[in-house]
């Protein structure tokens, strides 16, 4: 969703939209995006499911087990079909792999979540 999950402060490469970013012609900011593609992104838009009770909300911090900030929530809600809270956020690349344990800071408390593959599907 533009304005939440992707904005003018994020790149299509960070958002996992590299497949629609073609470098065959020049376009706005193409030089910087080409450089980012060569070097690699430092953060990735990742989906996550809450393991512990809590609803992730826009701009909540994502932290690691040592309480170090590793990202930010872009969107989150309680999923009626999955019967659990889910969200998306930009996470440092080294923490963005499927299955990694992350924590969402809700009212200054780190609540456990796990990175999952999107789209969110019922298993």
PDB file of N, CA and C in Angstrom:
ATOM      1  N   UNK A   1       0.851  -1.157   0.000  1.00  0.00           N
ATOM      2  CA  UNK A   1       0.000   0.000   0.000  1.00  0.00           C
ATOM      3  C   UNK A   1       0.906   1.232   0.000  1.00  0.00           C
ATOM      4  N   UNK A   2       0.771   2.086  -1.018  1.00  0.00           N
ATOM      5  CA  UNK A   2       1.594   3.281  -1.098  1.00  0.00           C
ATOM      6  C   UNK A   2       1.249   4.212   0.064  1.00  0.00           C
ATOM      7  N   UNK A   3       2.284   4.735   0.694  1.00  0.00           N
ATOM      8  CA  UNK A   3       2.110   5.592   1.851  1.00  0.00           C
ATOM      9  C   UNK A   3       2.337   4.836   3.147  1.00  0.00           C
ATOM     10  N   UNK A   4       2.164   3.518   3.123  1.00  0.00           N
ATOM     11  CA  UNK A   4       2.437   2.678   4.291  1.00  0.00           C
ATOM     12  C   UNK A   4       3.598   1.747   3.998  1.00  0.00           C
ATOM     13  N   UNK A   5       3.373   0.779   3.125  1.00  0.00           N
ATOM     14  CA  UNK A   5       4.375  -0.250   2.866  1.00  0.00           C
ATOM     15  C   UNK A   5       5.452   0.198   1.882  1.00  0.00           C
ATOM     16  N   UNK A   6       5.161   1.181   1.062  1.00  0.00           N
ATOM     17  CA  UNK A   6       6.148   1.770   0.163  1.00  0.00           C
ATOM     18  C   UNK A   6       5.821   3.264   0.051  1.00  0.00           C
ATOM     19  N   UNK A   7       6.887   4.070   0.037  1.00  0.00           N
ATOM     20  CA  UNK A   7       6.702   5.522  -0.031  1.00  0.00           C
ATOM     21  C   UNK A   7       7.921   6.134  -0.702  1.00  0.00           C
ATOM     22  N   UNK A   8       8.012   7.456  -0.662  1.00  0.00           N
ATOM     23  CA  UNK A   8       9.170   8.105  -1.262  1.00  0.00           C
ATOM     24  C   UNK A   8      10.428   7.958  -0.404  1.00  0.00           C
ATOM     25  N   UNK A   9      10.320   7.303   0.746  1.00  0.00           N
ATOM     26  CA  UNK A   9      11.492   7.037   1.590  1.00  0.00           C
ATOM     27  C   UNK A   9      11.983   5.595   1.450  1.00  0.00           C
ATOM     28  N   UNK A  10      11.313   4.804   0.640  1.00  0.00           N
ATOM     29  CA  UNK A  10      11.707   3.407   0.410  1.00  0.00           C
ATOM     30  C   UNK A  10      11.971   3.212  -1.074  1.00  0.00           C
ATOM     31  N   UNK A  11      12.644   2.135  -1.402  1.00  0.00           N
ATOM     32  CA  UNK A  11      12.893   1.850  -2.814  1.00  0.00           C
ATOM     33  C   UNK A  11      12.112   0.613  -3.227  1.00  0.00           C
ATOM     34  N   UNK A  12      11.840   0.511  -4.530  1.00  0.00           N
ATOM     35  CA  UNK A  12      11.162  -0.703  -5.004  1.00  0.00           C
ATOM     36  C   UNK A  12      11.973  -1.964  -4.719  1.00  0.00           C
ATOM     37  N   UNK A  13      13.294  -1.852  -4.665  1.00  0.00           N
ATOM     38  CA  UNK A  13      14.139  -3.012  -4.379  1.00  0.00           C
ATOM     39  C   UNK A  13      13.965  -3.465  -2.937  1.00  0.00           C
ATOM     40  N   UNK A  14      13.887  -2.528  -1.995  1.00  0.00           N
ATOM     41  CA  UNK A  14      13.654  -2.872  -0.594  1.00  0.00           C
ATOM     42  C   UNK A  14      12.278  -3.493  -0.406  1.00  0.00           C
ATOM     43  N   UNK A  15      11.321  -3.049  -1.206  1.00  0.00           N
ATOM     44  CA  UNK A  15       9.939  -3.524  -1.090  1.00  0.00           C
ATOM     45  C   UNK A  15       9.710  -4.850  -1.811  1.00  0.00           C
ATOM     46  N   UNK A  16      10.758  -5.426  -2.399  1.00  0.00           N
ATOM     47  CA  UNK A  16      10.605  -6.695  -3.113  1.00  0.00           C
ATOM     48  C   UNK A  16       9.985  -6.531  -4.488  1.00  0.00           C
ATOM     49  N   UNK A  17      10.064  -5.322  -5.032  1.00  0.00           N
ATOM     50  CA  UNK A  17       9.476  -5.049  -6.339  1.00  0.00           C
ATOM     51  C   UNK A  17      10.531  -4.916  -7.433  1.00  0.00           C
ATOM     52  N   UNK A  18      11.689  -5.516  -7.204  1.00  0.00           N
ATOM     53  CA  UNK A  18      12.742  -5.484  -8.206  1.00  0.00           C
ATOM     54  C   UNK A  18      12.321  -6.094  -9.530  1.00  0.00           C
ATOM     55  N   UNK A  19      11.396  -7.037  -9.486  1.00  0.00           N
ATOM     56  CA  UNK A  19      10.925  -7.712 -10.706  1.00  0.00           C
ATOM     57  C   UNK A  19      10.176  -6.760 -11.635  1.00  0.00           C
ATOM     58  N   UNK A  20       9.699  -5.619 -11.141  1.00  0.00           N
ATOM     59  CA  UNK A  20       9.031  -4.656 -12.017  1.00  0.00           C
ATOM     60  C   UNK A  20       9.891  -3.414 -12.254  1.00  0.00           C
ATOM     61  N   UNK A  21      11.119  -3.435 -11.752  1.00  0.00           N
ATOM     62  CA  UNK A  21      12.038  -2.312 -11.920  1.00  0.00           C
ATOM     63  C   UNK A  21      13.027  -2.669 -13.026  1.00  0.00           C
ATOM     64  N   UNK A  22      12.770  -2.164 -14.219  1.00  0.00           N
ATOM     65  CA  UNK A  22      13.607  -2.468 -15.377  1.00  0.00           C
ATOM     66  C   UNK A  22      14.631  -1.364 -15.590  1.00  0.00           C
ATOM     67  N   UNK A  23      15.851  -1.743 -15.834  1.00  0.00           N
ATOM     68  CA  UNK A  23      16.935  -0.783 -15.994  1.00  0.00           C
ATOM     69  C   UNK A  23      17.375  -0.639 -17.452  1.00  0.00           C
ATOM     70  N   UNK A  24      16.487  -0.913 -18.382  1.00  0.00           N
ATOM     71  CA  UNK A  24      16.822  -0.803 -19.800  1.00  0.00           C
ATOM     72  C   UNK A  24      16.762   0.640 -20.294  1.00  0.00           C
ATOM     73  N   UNK A  25      16.082   1.531 -19.555  1.00  0.00           N
ATOM     74  CA  UNK A  25      15.983   2.951 -19.894  1.00  0.00           C
ATOM     75  C   UNK A  25      16.237   3.769 -18.638  1.00  0.00           C
ATOM     76  N   UNK A  26      16.630   5.026 -18.838  1.00  0.00           N
ATOM     77  CA  UNK A  26      16.796   5.946 -17.715  1.00  0.00           C
ATOM     78  C   UNK A  26      15.420   6.366 -17.208  1.00  0.00           C
ATOM     79  N   UNK A  27      15.306   6.525 -15.897  1.00  0.00           N
ATOM     80  CA  UNK A  27      14.077   7.019 -15.273  1.00  0.00           C
ATOM     81  C   UNK A  27      14.457   7.761 -14.005  1.00  0.00           C
ATOM     82  N   UNK A  28      13.514   8.396 -13.370  1.00  0.00           N
ATOM     83  CA  UNK A  28      13.790   9.171 -12.158  1.00  0.00           C
ATOM     84  C   UNK A  28      14.489   8.304 -11.126  1.00  0.00           C
ATOM     85  N   UNK A  29      15.656   8.753 -10.698  1.00  0.00           N
ATOM     86  CA  UNK A  29      16.467   8.086  -9.672  1.00  0.00           C
ATOM     87  C   UNK A  29      17.036   6.729 -10.104  1.00  0.00           C
ATOM     88  N   UNK A  30      17.069   6.460 -11.397  1.00  0.00           N
ATOM     89  CA  UNK A  30      17.558   5.156 -11.868  1.00  0.00           C
ATOM     90  C   UNK A  30      19.025   4.926 -11.511  1.00  0.00           C
ATOM     91  N   UNK A  31      19.837   5.980 -11.491  1.00  0.00           N
ATOM     92  CA  UNK A  31      21.252   5.822 -11.141  1.00  0.00           C
ATOM     93  C   UNK A  31      21.399   5.302  -9.719  1.00  0.00           C
ATOM     94  N   UNK A  32      20.670   5.905  -8.784  1.00  0.00           N
ATOM     95  CA  UNK A  32      20.750   5.474  -7.378  1.00  0.00           C
ATOM     96  C   UNK A  32      20.200   4.057  -7.209  1.00  0.00           C
ATOM     97  N   UNK A  33      19.132   3.722  -7.918  1.00  0.00           N
ATOM     98  CA  UNK A  33      18.562   2.373  -7.813  1.00  0.00           C
ATOM     99  C   UNK A  33      19.494   1.324  -8.416  1.00  0.00           C
ATOM    100  N   UNK A  34      20.171   1.666  -9.512  1.00  0.00           N
ATOM    101  CA  UNK A  34      21.153   0.742 -10.097  1.00  0.00           C
ATOM    102  C   UNK A  34      22.268   0.464  -9.092  1.00  0.00           C
ATOM    103  N   UNK A  35      22.741   1.523  -8.427  1.00  0.00           N
ATOM    104  CA  UNK A  35      23.803   1.360  -7.427  1.00  0.00           C
ATOM    105  C   UNK A  35      23.312   0.500  -6.267  1.00  0.00           C
ATOM    106  N   UNK A  36      22.080   0.728  -5.823  1.00  0.00           N
ATOM    107  CA  UNK A  36      21.524  -0.078  -4.729  1.00  0.00           C
ATOM    108  C   UNK A  36      21.401  -1.538  -5.143  1.00  0.00           C
ATOM    109  N   UNK A  37      21.034  -1.781  -6.384  1.00  0.00           N
ATOM    110  CA  UNK A  37      20.908  -3.160  -6.862  1.00  0.00           C
ATOM    111  C   UNK A  37      22.271  -3.858  -6.860  1.00  0.00           C
ATOM    112  N   UNK A  38      23.309  -3.146  -7.248  1.00  0.00           N
ATOM    113  CA  UNK A  38      24.657  -3.724  -7.276  1.00  0.00           C
ATOM    114  C   UNK A  38      25.186  -4.015  -5.874  1.00  0.00           C
ATOM    115  N   UNK A  39      24.980  -3.085  -4.950  1.00  0.00           N
ATOM    116  CA  UNK A  39      25.480  -3.220  -3.579  1.00  0.00           C
ATOM    117  C   UNK A  39      24.593  -4.138  -2.750  1.00  0.00           C
ATOM    118  N   UNK A  40      23.299  -4.086  -3.006  1.00  0.00           N
ATOM    119  CA  UNK A  40      22.329  -4.847  -2.231  1.00  0.00           C
ATOM    120  C   UNK A  40      21.617  -3.954  -1.232  1.00  0.00           C
ATOM    121  N   UNK A  41      20.427  -4.342  -0.868  1.00  0.00           N
ATOM    122  CA  UNK A  41      19.630  -3.556   0.075  1.00  0.00           C
ATOM    123  C   UNK A  41      20.073  -3.841   1.506  1.00  0.00           C
ATOM    124  N   UNK A  42      19.811  -2.895   2.396  1.00  0.00           N
ATOM    125  CA  UNK A  42      20.153  -3.078   3.807  1.00  0.00           C
ATOM    126  C   UNK A  42      18.937  -3.493   4.623  1.00  0.00           C
ATOM    127  N   UNK A  43      17.750  -3.304   4.049  1.00  0.00           N
ATOM    128  CA  UNK A  43      16.514  -3.706   4.726  1.00  0.00           C
ATOM    129  C   UNK A  43      15.533  -4.229   3.692  1.00  0.00           C
ATOM    130  N   UNK A  44      14.581  -5.037   4.174  1.00  0.00           N
ATOM    131  CA  UNK A  44      13.608  -5.649   3.271  1.00  0.00           C
ATOM    132  C   UNK A  44      12.215  -5.545   3.871  1.00  0.00           C
ATOM    133  N   UNK A  45      11.234  -5.354   3.008  1.00  0.00           N
ATOM    134  CA  UNK A  45       9.845  -5.391   3.443  1.00  0.00           C
ATOM    135  C   UNK A  45       9.503  -6.854   3.701  1.00  0.00           C
ATOM    136  N   UNK A  46       9.129  -7.158   4.933  1.00  0.00           N
ATOM    137  CA  UNK A  46       8.893  -8.540   5.343  1.00  0.00           C
ATOM    138  C   UNK A  46       7.532  -8.667   6.007  1.00  0.00           C
ATOM    139  N   UNK A  47       6.906  -9.812   5.809  1.00  0.00           N
ATOM    140  CA  UNK A  47       5.677 -10.125   6.513  1.00  0.00           C
ATOM    141  C   UNK A  47       6.014 -10.845   7.804  1.00  0.00           C
ATOM    142  N   UNK A  48       5.157 -10.689   8.808  1.00  0.00           N
ATOM    143  CA  UNK A  48       5.365 -11.405  10.061  1.00  0.00           C
ATOM    144  C   UNK A  48       4.034 -11.738  10.707  1.00  0.00           C
ATOM    145  N   UNK A  49       4.046 -12.791  11.509  1.00  0.00           N
ATOM    146  CA  UNK A  49       2.900 -13.196  12.319  1.00  0.00           C
ATOM    147  C   UNK A  49       3.285 -13.055  13.780  1.00  0.00           C
ATOM    148  N   UNK A  50       2.367 -12.566  14.574  1.00  0.00           N
ATOM    149  CA  UNK A  50       2.625 -12.452  15.999  1.00  0.00           C
ATOM    150  C   UNK A  50       2.550 -13.839  16.638  1.00  0.00           C
ATOM    151  N   UNK A  51       3.521 -14.157  17.465  1.00  0.00           N
ATOM    152  CA  UNK A  51       3.547 -15.413  18.206  1.00  0.00           C
ATOM    153  C   UNK A  51       2.842 -15.200  19.544  1.00  0.00           C
ATOM    154  N   UNK A  52       3.097 -14.045  20.140  1.00  0.00           N
ATOM    155  CA  UNK A  52       2.448 -13.673  21.396  1.00  0.00           C
ATOM    156  C   UNK A  52       1.318 -12.683  21.100  1.00  0.00           C
ATOM    157  N   UNK A  53       0.439 -12.501  22.066  1.00  0.00           N
ATOM    158  CA  UNK A  53      -0.731 -11.654  21.886  1.00  0.00           C
ATOM    159  C   UNK A  53      -0.335 -10.181  21.749  1.00  0.00           C
ATOM    160  N   UNK A  54      -0.842  -9.538  20.713  1.00  0.00           N
ATOM    161  CA  UNK A  54      -0.593  -8.128  20.465  1.00  0.00           C
ATOM    162  C   UNK A  54      -0.900  -7.796  19.017  1.00  0.00           C
ATOM    163  N   UNK A  55      -1.305  -6.556  18.774  1.00  0.00           N
ATOM    164  CA  UNK A  55      -1.617  -6.111  17.419  1.00  0.00           C
ATOM    165  C   UNK A  55      -0.533  -5.130  16.973  1.00  0.00           C
ATOM    166  N   UNK A  56       0.198  -5.459  15.904  1.00  0.00           N
ATOM    167  CA  UNK A  56       1.216  -4.531  15.411  1.00  0.00           C
ATOM    168  C   UNK A  56       0.544  -3.359  14.693  1.00  0.00           C
ATOM    169  N   UNK A  57       1.073  -2.171  14.882  1.00  0.00           N
ATOM    170  CA  UNK A  57       0.518  -0.974  14.256  1.00  0.00           C
ATOM    171  C   UNK A  57       1.623  -0.187  13.556  1.00  0.00           C
ATOM    172  N   UNK A  58       1.202   0.627  12.597  1.00  0.00           N
ATOM    173  CA  UNK A  58       2.091   1.478  11.812  1.00  0.00           C
ATOM    174  C   UNK A  58       3.042   2.261  12.722  1.00  0.00           C
ATOM    175  N   UNK A  59       4.319   2.228  12.393  1.00  0.00           N
ATOM    176  CA  UNK A  59       5.396   2.951  13.078  1.00  0.00           C
ATOM    177  C   UNK A  59       5.858   2.326  14.392  1.00  0.00           C
ATOM    178  N   UNK A  60       5.333   1.160  14.786  1.00  0.00           N
ATOM    179  CA  UNK A  60       5.891   0.477  15.961  1.00  0.00           C
ATOM    180  C   UNK A  60       7.297   0.001  15.601  1.00  0.00           C
ATOM    181  N   UNK A  61       8.192   0.018  16.559  1.00  0.00           N
ATOM    182  CA  UNK A  61       9.553  -0.461  16.335  1.00  0.00           C
ATOM    183  C   UNK A  61       9.594  -1.981  16.274  1.00  0.00           C
ATOM    184  N   UNK A  62      10.481  -2.494  15.431  1.00  0.00           N
ATOM    185  CA  UNK A  62      10.802  -3.923  15.384  1.00  0.00           C
ATOM    186  C   UNK A  62      12.190  -4.049  15.988  1.00  0.00           C
ATOM    187  N   UNK A  63      12.336  -4.957  16.961  1.00  0.00           N
ATOM    188  CA  UNK A  63      13.612  -5.120  17.649  1.00  0.00           C
ATOM    189  C   UNK A  63      14.050  -6.581  17.600  1.00  0.00           C
ATOM    190  N   UNK A  64      15.338  -6.803  17.901  1.00  0.00           N
ATOM    191  CA  UNK A  64      15.850  -8.171  17.992  1.00  0.00           C
ATOM    192  C   UNK A  64      15.786  -8.637  19.443  1.00  0.00           C
ATOM    193  N   UNK A  65      16.309  -9.805  19.716  1.00  0.00           N
ATOM    194  CA  UNK A  65      16.248 -10.382  21.068  1.00  0.00           C
ATOM    195  C   UNK A  65      17.021  -9.554  22.093  1.00  0.00           C
ATOM    196  N   UNK A  66      17.959  -8.732  21.630  1.00  0.00           N
ATOM    197  CA  UNK A  66      18.723  -7.870  22.531  1.00  0.00           C
ATOM    198  C   UNK A  66      18.097  -6.476  22.656  1.00  0.00           C
ATOM    199  N   UNK A  67      16.889  -6.317  22.105  1.00  0.00           N
ATOM    200  CA  UNK A  67      16.131  -5.066  22.161  1.00  0.00           C
ATOM    201  C   UNK A  67      16.739  -3.964  21.290  1.00  0.00           C
ATOM    202  N   UNK A  68      17.558  -4.348  20.300  1.00  0.00           N
ATOM    203  CA  UNK A  68      18.136  -3.395  19.353  1.00  0.00           C
ATOM    204  C   UNK A  68      17.138  -3.180  18.221  1.00  0.00           C
ATOM    205  N   UNK A  69      16.880  -1.918  17.864  1.00  0.00           N
ATOM    206  CA  UNK A  69      15.941  -1.607  16.782  1.00  0.00           C
ATOM    207  C   UNK A  69      16.502  -2.122  15.466  1.00  0.00           C
ATOM    208  N   UNK A  70      15.714  -2.961  14.784  1.00  0.00           N
ATOM    209  CA  UNK A  70      16.126  -3.533  13.500  1.00  0.00           C
ATOM    210  C   UNK A  70      15.131  -3.209  12.395  1.00  0.00           C
ATOM    211  N   UNK A  71      14.081  -2.432  12.721  1.00  0.00           N
ATOM    212  CA  UNK A  71      13.113  -2.102  11.692  1.00  0.00           C
ATOM    213  C   UNK A  71      11.926  -1.338  12.226  1.00  0.00           C
ATOM    214  N   UNK A  72      10.932  -1.203  11.345  1.00  0.00           N
ATOM    215  CA  UNK A  72       9.723  -0.448  11.675  1.00  0.00           C
ATOM    216  C   UNK A  72       8.517  -1.117  11.015  1.00  0.00           C
ATOM    217  N   UNK A  73       7.416  -1.185  11.742  1.00  0.00           N
ATOM    218  CA  UNK A  73       6.173  -1.747  11.205  1.00  0.00           C
ATOM    219  C   UNK A  73       5.550  -0.745  10.237  1.00  0.00           C
ATOM    220  N   UNK A  74       5.133  -1.223   9.076  1.00  0.00           N
ATOM    221  CA  UNK A  74       4.449  -0.360   8.111  1.00  0.00           C
ATOM    222  C   UNK A  74       2.939  -0.549   8.169  1.00  0.00           C
ATOM    223  N   UNK A  75       2.491  -1.764   8.474  1.00  0.00           N
ATOM    224  CA  UNK A  75       1.057  -2.023   8.606  1.00  0.00           C
ATOM    225  C   UNK A  75       0.847  -3.299   9.406  1.00  0.00           C
ATOM    226  N   UNK A  76      -0.298  -3.382  10.062  1.00  0.00           N
ATOM    227  CA  UNK A  76      -0.603  -4.560  10.858  1.00  0.00           C
ATOM    228  C   UNK A  76      -2.061  -4.589  11.267  1.00  0.00           C
ATOM    229  N   UNK A  77      -2.552  -5.783  11.556  1.00  0.00           N
ATOM    230  CA  UNK A  77      -3.949  -5.955  11.933  1.00  0.00           C
ATOM    231  C   UNK A  77      -4.164  -7.341  12.518  1.00  0.00           C
ATOM    232  N   UNK A  78      -5.355  -7.578  12.994  1.00  0.00           N
ATOM    233  CA  UNK A  78      -5.783  -8.925  13.391  1.00  0.00           C
ATOM    234  C   UNK A  78      -6.459  -9.542  12.172  1.00  0.00           C
ATOM    235  N   UNK A  79      -5.971 -10.678  11.719  1.00  0.00           N
ATOM    236  CA  UNK A  79      -6.545 -11.345  10.550  1.00  0.00           C
ATOM    237  C   UNK A  79      -7.684 -12.263  10.976  1.00  0.00           C
ATOM    238  N   UNK A  80      -8.907 -11.981  10.530  1.00  0.00           N
ATOM    239  CA  UNK A  80     -10.031 -12.847  10.904  1.00  0.00           C
ATOM    240  C   UNK A  80      -9.936 -14.245  10.281  1.00  0.00           C
ATOM    241  N   UNK A  81      -9.374 -14.359   9.084  1.00  0.00           N
ATOM    242  CA  UNK A  81      -9.288 -15.674   8.446  1.00  0.00           C
ATOM    243  C   UNK A  81      -8.153 -16.521   9.017  1.00  0.00           C
ATOM    244  N   UNK A  82      -7.053 -15.887   9.442  1.00  0.00           N
ATOM    245  CA  UNK A  82      -5.926 -16.630  10.007  1.00  0.00           C
ATOM    246  C   UNK A  82      -6.037 -16.793  11.517  1.00  0.00           C
ATOM    247  N   UNK A  83      -6.924 -16.016  12.135  1.00  0.00           N
ATOM    248  CA  UNK A  83      -7.109 -16.058  13.590  1.00  0.00           C
ATOM    249  C   UNK A  83      -5.833 -15.674  14.336  1.00  0.00           C
ATOM    250  N   UNK A  84      -5.075 -14.728  13.779  1.00  0.00           N
ATOM    251  CA  UNK A  84      -3.861 -14.241  14.439  1.00  0.00           C
ATOM    252  C   UNK A  84      -3.538 -12.850  13.925  1.00  0.00           C
ATOM    253  N   UNK A  85      -2.701 -12.147  14.670  1.00  0.00           N
ATOM    254  CA  UNK A  85      -2.252 -10.821  14.258  1.00  0.00           C
ATOM    255  C   UNK A  85      -1.112 -10.973  13.253  1.00  0.00           C
ATOM    256  N   UNK A  86      -1.163 -10.156  12.206  1.00  0.00           N
ATOM    257  CA  UNK A  86      -0.151 -10.168  11.159  1.00  0.00           C
ATOM    258  C   UNK A  86       0.297  -8.740  10.881  1.00  0.00           C
ATOM    259  N   UNK A  87       1.421  -8.607  10.223  1.00  0.00           N
ATOM    260  CA  UNK A  87       1.886  -7.285   9.853  1.00  0.00           C
ATOM    261  C   UNK A  87       2.982  -7.341   8.819  1.00  0.00           C
ATOM    262  N   UNK A  88       3.370  -6.156   8.383  1.00  0.00           N
ATOM    263  CA  UNK A  88       4.485  -6.001   7.456  1.00  0.00           C
ATOM    264  C   UNK A  88       5.358  -4.875   7.974  1.00  0.00           C
ATOM    265  N   UNK A  89       6.623  -4.969   7.673  1.00  0.00           N
ATOM    266  CA  UNK A  89       7.529  -3.909   8.087  1.00  0.00           C
ATOM    267  C   UNK A  89       8.878  -4.047   7.414  1.00  0.00           C
ATOM    268  N   UNK A  90       9.638  -2.974   7.462  1.00  0.00           N
ATOM    269  CA  UNK A  90      10.999  -3.003   6.949  1.00  0.00           C
ATOM    270  C   UNK A  90      11.913  -3.509   8.053  1.00  0.00           C
ATOM    271  N   UNK A  91      12.634  -4.582   7.734  1.00  0.00           N
ATOM    272  CA  UNK A  91      13.497  -5.264   8.699  1.00  0.00           C
ATOM    273  C   UNK A  91      14.911  -5.312   8.120  1.00  0.00           C
ATOM    274  N   UNK A  92      15.909  -5.101   8.976  1.00  0.00           N
ATOM    275  CA  UNK A  92      17.307  -5.229   8.542  1.00  0.00           C
ATOM    276  C   UNK A  92      17.484  -6.563   7.825  1.00  0.00           C
ATOM    277  N   UNK A  93      18.184  -6.538   6.708  1.00  0.00           N
ATOM    278  CA  UNK A  93      18.304  -7.710   5.836  1.00  0.00           C
ATOM    279  C   UNK A  93      18.716  -8.976   6.579  1.00  0.00           C
ATOM    280  N   UNK A  94      19.624  -8.864   7.540  1.00  0.00           N
ATOM    281  CA  UNK A  94      20.106 -10.049   8.251  1.00  0.00           C
ATOM    282  C   UNK A  94      19.048 -10.665   9.167  1.00  0.00           C
ATOM    283  N   UNK A  95      17.946  -9.974   9.404  1.00  0.00           N
ATOM    284  CA  UNK A  95      16.860 -10.500  10.251  1.00  0.00           C
ATOM    285  C   UNK A  95      15.601 -10.821   9.445  1.00  0.00           C
ATOM    286  N   UNK A  96      15.643 -10.623   8.121  1.00  0.00           N
ATOM    287  CA  UNK A  96      14.443 -10.690   7.290  1.00  0.00           C
ATOM    288  C   UNK A  96      14.126 -12.067   6.714  1.00  0.00           C
ATOM    289  N   UNK A  97      14.911 -13.071   7.022  1.00  0.00           N
ATOM    290  CA  UNK A  97      14.674 -14.407   6.461  1.00  0.00           C
ATOM    291  C   UNK A  97      13.458 -15.067   7.110  1.00  0.00           C
ATOM    292  N   UNK A  98      12.732 -15.811   6.304  1.00  0.00           N
ATOM    293  CA  UNK A  98      11.555 -16.543   6.792  1.00  0.00           C
ATOM    294  C   UNK A  98      11.936 -17.436   7.977  1.00  0.00           C
ATOM    295  N   UNK A  99      11.145 -17.367   9.039  1.00  0.00           N
ATOM    296  CA  UNK A  99      11.381 -18.169  10.227  1.00  0.00           C
ATOM    297  C   UNK A  99      12.147 -17.446  11.322  1.00  0.00           C
ATOM    298  N   UNK A 100      12.758 -16.298  11.000  1.00  0.00           N
ATOM    299  CA  UNK A 100      13.507 -15.544  12.016  1.00  0.00           C
ATOM    300  C   UNK A 100      12.568 -14.970  13.064  1.00  0.00           C
ATOM    301  N   UNK A 101      13.013 -15.042  14.306  1.00  0.00           N
ATOM    302  CA  UNK A 101      12.258 -14.475  15.418  1.00  0.00           C
ATOM    303  C   UNK A 101      12.585 -12.991  15.536  1.00  0.00           C
ATOM    304  N   UNK A 102      11.538 -12.165  15.592  1.00  0.00           N
ATOM    305  CA  UNK A 102      11.674 -10.730  15.793  1.00  0.00           C
ATOM    306  C   UNK A 102      10.708 -10.330  16.899  1.00  0.00           C
ATOM    307  N   UNK A 103      10.789  -9.094  17.342  1.00  0.00           N
ATOM    308  CA  UNK A 103       9.907  -8.611  18.395  1.00  0.00           C
ATOM    309  C   UNK A 103       9.338  -7.261  17.998  1.00  0.00           C
ATOM    310  N   UNK A 104       8.063  -7.061  18.273  1.00  0.00           N
ATOM    311  CA  UNK A 104       7.397  -5.803  17.991  1.00  0.00           C
ATOM    312  C   UNK A 104       7.224  -5.061  19.315  1.00  0.00           C
ATOM    313  N   UNK A 105       7.669  -3.820  19.370  1.00  0.00           N
ATOM    314  CA  UNK A 105       7.542  -3.026  20.596  1.00  0.00           C
ATOM    315  C   UNK A 105       6.116  -2.461  20.669  1.00  0.00           C
ATOM    316  N   UNK A 106       5.334  -3.014  21.593  1.00  0.00           N
ATOM    317  CA  UNK A 106       3.965  -2.558  21.821  1.00  0.00           C
ATOM    318  C   UNK A 106       3.908  -2.041  23.251  1.00  0.00           C
ATOM    319  N   UNK A 107       3.654  -0.750  23.388  1.00  0.00           N
ATOM    320  CA  UNK A 107       3.633  -0.090  24.703  1.00  0.00           C
ATOM    321  C   UNK A 107       4.913  -0.391  25.495  1.00  0.00           C
ATOM    322  N   UNK A 108       6.047  -0.229  24.834  1.00  0.00           N
ATOM    323  CA  UNK A 108       7.383  -0.429  25.421  1.00  0.00           C
ATOM    324  C   UNK A 108       7.681  -1.863  25.838  1.00  0.00           C
ATOM    325  N   UNK A 109       6.881  -2.821  25.399  1.00  0.00           N
ATOM    326  CA  UNK A 109       7.149  -4.225  25.692  1.00  0.00           C
ATOM    327  C   UNK A 109       7.430  -4.953  24.367  1.00  0.00           C
ATOM    328  N   UNK A 110       8.481  -5.773  24.347  1.00  0.00           N
ATOM    329  CA  UNK A 110       8.846  -6.525  23.147  1.00  0.00           C
ATOM    330  C   UNK A 110       7.988  -7.792  23.060  1.00  0.00           C
ATOM    331  N   UNK A 111       7.122  -7.839  22.040  1.00  0.00           N
ATOM    332  CA  UNK A 111       6.196  -8.953  21.839  1.00  0.00           C
ATOM    333  C   UNK A 111       6.707  -9.809  20.675  1.00  0.00           C
ATOM    334  N   UNK A 112       6.826 -11.120  20.910  1.00  0.00           N
ATOM    335  CA  UNK A 112       7.437 -12.039  19.941  1.00  0.00           C
ATOM    336  C   UNK A 112       6.600 -12.198  18.674  1.00  0.00           C
ATOM    337  N   UNK A 113       7.314 -12.210  17.533  1.00  0.00           N
ATOM    338  CA  UNK A 113       6.728 -12.458  16.215  1.00  0.00           C
ATOM    339  C   UNK A 113       7.720 -13.286  15.413  1.00  0.00           C
ATOM    340  N   UNK A 114       7.267 -13.784  14.273  1.00  0.00           N
ATOM    341  CA  UNK A 114       8.148 -14.555  13.400  1.00  0.00           C
ATOM    342  C   UNK A 114       7.955 -14.073  11.960  1.00  0.00           C
ATOM    343  N   UNK A 115       9.058 -13.957  11.218  1.00  0.00           N
ATOM    344  CA  UNK A 115       9.006 -13.554   9.821  1.00  0.00           C
ATOM    345  C   UNK A 115       8.398 -14.700   9.011  1.00  0.00           C
ATOM    346  N   UNK A 116       7.421 -14.358   8.154  1.00  0.00           N
ATOM    347  CA  UNK A 116       6.754 -15.362   7.321  1.00  0.00           C
ATOM    348  C   UNK A 116       6.744 -14.916   5.865  1.00  0.00           C
ATOM    349  N   UNK A 117       6.536 -15.877   5.012  1.00  0.00           N
ATOM    350  CA  UNK A 117       6.427 -15.603   3.584  1.00  0.00           C
ATOM    351  C   UNK A 117       5.068 -14.963   3.313  1.00  0.00           C
ATOM    352  N   UNK A 118       5.048 -13.992   2.435  1.00  0.00           N
ATOM    353  CA  UNK A 118       3.784 -13.397   1.993  1.00  0.00           C
ATOM    354  C   UNK A 118       3.460 -13.935   0.608  1.00  0.00           C
ATOM    355  N   UNK A 119       2.203 -13.972   0.220  1.00  0.00           N
ATOM    356  CA  UNK A 119       1.041 -13.481   0.955  1.00  0.00           C
ATOM    357  C   UNK A 119       0.728 -14.396   2.153  1.00  0.00           C
ATOM    358  N   UNK A 120       0.039 -13.807   3.106  1.00  0.00           N
ATOM    359  CA  UNK A 120      -0.345 -14.557   4.306  1.00  0.00           C
ATOM    360  C   UNK A 120      -1.429 -15.566   3.909  1.00  0.00           C
ATOM    361  N   UNK A 121      -1.139 -16.837   4.066  1.00  0.00           N
ATOM    362  CA  UNK A 121      -2.095 -17.869   3.686  1.00  0.00           C
ATOM    363  C   UNK A 121      -2.365 -18.795   4.858  1.00  0.00           C
ATOM    364  N   UNK A 122      -3.576 -19.287   4.897  1.00  0.00           N
ATOM    365  CA  UNK A 122      -3.940 -20.254   5.936  1.00  0.00           C
ATOM    366  C   UNK A 122      -3.282 -21.584   5.601  1.00  0.00           C
ATOM    367  N   UNK A 123      -2.697 -22.220   6.603  1.00  0.00           N
ATOM    368  CA  UNK A 123      -1.985 -23.488   6.393  1.00  0.00           C
ATOM    369  C   UNK A 123      -2.878 -24.663   6.655  1.00  0.00           C
TER     370      UNK A 123
END
